[in-house]
Amino acid sequence: MIEIAHAAGVSVEAELGTIGSTDPADFEGGTAQIIYTDPKDGGNICADNRGG
């Protein structure tokens, strides 16, 4: 996906951890609980996406 986006001149962004809210009244959606990314997972994501 990243290669396709970059070929089209589009930047790519990733989000780790908490995104949004689980409150149904919240327009954004996501989770109300704060979820922190395990540093090992973050490192794996970076390693898996090098070169992009």
N, C-alpha and C. Protein backbone atom coordinates (compact mmCIF):
# COMPACT_ATOMS: atom_id res chain seq x y z
N MET A 1 0.82 -1.18 0.00
CA MET A 1 0.00 0.00 0.00
C MET A 1 0.87 1.25 0.00
N ILE A 2 1.93 1.22 0.81
CA ILE A 2 2.82 2.38 0.89
C ILE A 2 3.47 2.66 -0.46
N GLU A 3 3.92 1.61 -1.13
CA GLU A 3 4.56 1.80 -2.43
C GLU A 3 3.59 2.42 -3.43
N ILE A 4 2.35 1.99 -3.42
CA ILE A 4 1.33 2.53 -4.33
C ILE A 4 1.09 4.01 -4.02
N ALA A 5 0.95 4.32 -2.73
CA ALA A 5 0.70 5.70 -2.33
C ALA A 5 1.87 6.60 -2.72
N HIS A 6 3.08 6.17 -2.44
CA HIS A 6 4.25 6.98 -2.77
C HIS A 6 4.39 7.17 -4.27
N ALA A 7 4.08 6.13 -5.06
CA ALA A 7 4.14 6.25 -6.52
C ALA A 7 3.18 7.30 -7.04
N ALA A 8 2.09 7.51 -6.29
CA ALA A 8 1.09 8.51 -6.68
C ALA A 8 1.38 9.87 -6.04
N GLY A 9 2.52 9.97 -5.31
CA GLY A 9 2.88 11.23 -4.67
C GLY A 9 2.11 11.51 -3.39
N VAL A 10 1.58 10.45 -2.77
CA VAL A 10 0.79 10.60 -1.56
C VAL A 10 1.62 10.12 -0.37
N SER A 11 1.66 10.89 0.71
CA SER A 11 2.36 10.46 1.91
C SER A 11 1.50 9.48 2.70
N VAL A 12 2.14 8.69 3.54
CA VAL A 12 1.44 7.68 4.33
C VAL A 12 1.75 7.91 5.81
N GLU A 13 0.74 7.81 6.63
CA GLU A 13 0.88 8.01 8.07
C GLU A 13 0.28 6.82 8.80
N ALA A 14 0.89 6.42 9.91
CA ALA A 14 0.38 5.32 10.72
C ALA A 14 0.08 5.82 12.11
N GLU A 15 -0.86 5.20 12.75
CA GLU A 15 -1.27 5.59 14.11
C GLU A 15 -1.06 4.39 15.02
N LEU A 16 -0.32 4.59 16.10
CA LEU A 16 -0.10 3.53 17.08
C LEU A 16 -0.75 3.94 18.38
N GLY A 17 -1.38 3.01 19.08
CA GLY A 17 -2.00 3.33 20.35
C GLY A 17 -3.46 3.69 20.19
N THR A 18 -3.95 4.60 21.01
CA THR A 18 -5.36 4.96 21.05
C THR A 18 -5.76 5.85 19.89
N ILE A 19 -6.90 5.54 19.30
CA ILE A 19 -7.48 6.37 18.25
C ILE A 19 -8.95 6.58 18.60
N GLY A 20 -9.36 7.82 18.80
CA GLY A 20 -10.76 8.15 18.98
C GLY A 20 -11.37 7.69 20.28
N SER A 21 -12.69 7.45 20.25
CA SER A 21 -13.47 7.14 21.45
C SER A 21 -14.53 6.09 21.16
N THR A 22 -14.87 5.25 22.16
CA THR A 22 -15.93 4.25 21.99
C THR A 22 -17.30 4.82 22.36
N ASP A 23 -17.34 6.06 22.81
CA ASP A 23 -18.61 6.69 23.16
C ASP A 23 -19.46 6.83 21.90
N PRO A 24 -20.65 6.17 21.84
CA PRO A 24 -21.48 6.24 20.63
C PRO A 24 -21.87 7.67 20.25
N ALA A 25 -21.89 8.56 21.22
CA ALA A 25 -22.24 9.95 20.92
C ALA A 25 -21.07 10.70 20.28
N ASP A 26 -19.90 10.10 20.33
CA ASP A 26 -18.71 10.72 19.77
C ASP A 26 -18.66 10.45 18.27
N PHE A 27 -18.62 11.49 17.49
CA PHE A 27 -18.63 11.38 16.03
C PHE A 27 -17.44 10.60 15.49
N GLU A 28 -16.28 10.77 16.14
CA GLU A 28 -15.04 10.19 15.60
C GLU A 28 -15.01 8.66 15.70
N GLY A 29 -15.57 8.10 16.74
CA GLY A 29 -15.49 6.66 16.94
C GLY A 29 -14.13 6.29 17.52
N GLY A 30 -13.84 5.00 17.65
CA GLY A 30 -12.56 4.57 18.21
C GLY A 30 -12.73 3.98 19.59
N THR A 31 -11.87 4.33 20.52
CA THR A 31 -11.92 3.77 21.87
C THR A 31 -11.80 4.84 22.94
N ALA A 32 -12.58 4.72 24.01
CA ALA A 32 -12.50 5.66 25.13
C ALA A 32 -11.37 5.26 26.07
N GLN A 33 -10.99 3.97 26.05
CA GLN A 33 -9.92 3.48 26.91
C GLN A 33 -8.57 3.86 26.28
N ILE A 34 -7.68 4.39 27.09
CA ILE A 34 -6.35 4.72 26.59
C ILE A 34 -5.57 3.43 26.39
N ILE A 35 -5.10 3.22 25.21
CA ILE A 35 -4.35 2.01 24.87
C ILE A 35 -2.97 2.44 24.40
N TYR A 36 -1.96 2.02 25.12
CA TYR A 36 -0.59 2.37 24.75
C TYR A 36 0.00 1.25 23.91
N THR A 37 0.79 1.62 22.93
CA THR A 37 1.46 0.65 22.09
C THR A 37 2.61 0.02 22.85
N ASP A 38 2.72 -1.29 22.78
CA ASP A 38 3.86 -1.99 23.35
C ASP A 38 5.09 -1.58 22.53
N PRO A 39 6.15 -1.08 23.15
CA PRO A 39 7.33 -0.65 22.41
C PRO A 39 7.88 -1.71 21.45
N LYS A 40 7.74 -3.00 21.83
CA LYS A 40 8.19 -4.07 20.93
C LYS A 40 7.38 -4.08 19.64
N ASP A 41 6.06 -3.86 19.77
CA ASP A 41 5.20 -3.82 18.58
C ASP A 41 5.57 -2.63 17.70
N GLY A 42 5.83 -1.50 18.32
CA GLY A 42 6.22 -0.32 17.55
C GLY A 42 7.50 -0.56 16.78
N GLY A 43 8.46 -1.22 17.42
CA GLY A 43 9.72 -1.55 16.75
C GLY A 43 9.51 -2.50 15.59
N ASN A 44 8.61 -3.48 15.79
CA ASN A 44 8.31 -4.43 14.71
C ASN A 44 7.66 -3.73 13.53
N ILE A 45 6.76 -2.81 13.80
CA ILE A 45 6.08 -2.09 12.72
C ILE A 45 7.10 -1.28 11.93
N CYS A 46 8.00 -0.61 12.63
CA CYS A 46 9.05 0.16 11.95
C CYS A 46 9.94 -0.73 11.11
N ALA A 47 10.36 -1.86 11.69
CA ALA A 47 11.23 -2.78 10.95
C ALA A 47 10.53 -3.35 9.73
N ASP A 48 9.23 -3.65 9.85
CA ASP A 48 8.48 -4.22 8.73
C ASP A 48 8.26 -3.21 7.61
N ASN A 49 8.35 -1.93 7.89
CA ASN A 49 8.02 -0.91 6.89
C ASN A 49 9.22 -0.08 6.45
N ARG A 50 10.40 -0.54 6.72
CA ARG A 50 11.59 0.19 6.26
C ARG A 50 11.68 0.13 4.75
N GLY A 51 12.24 1.15 4.21
CA GLY A 51 12.39 1.21 2.76
C GLY A 51 11.24 1.92 2.10
N GLY A 52 10.26 2.39 2.90
CA GLY A 52 9.11 3.07 2.30
C GLY A 52 9.06 4.48 2.58
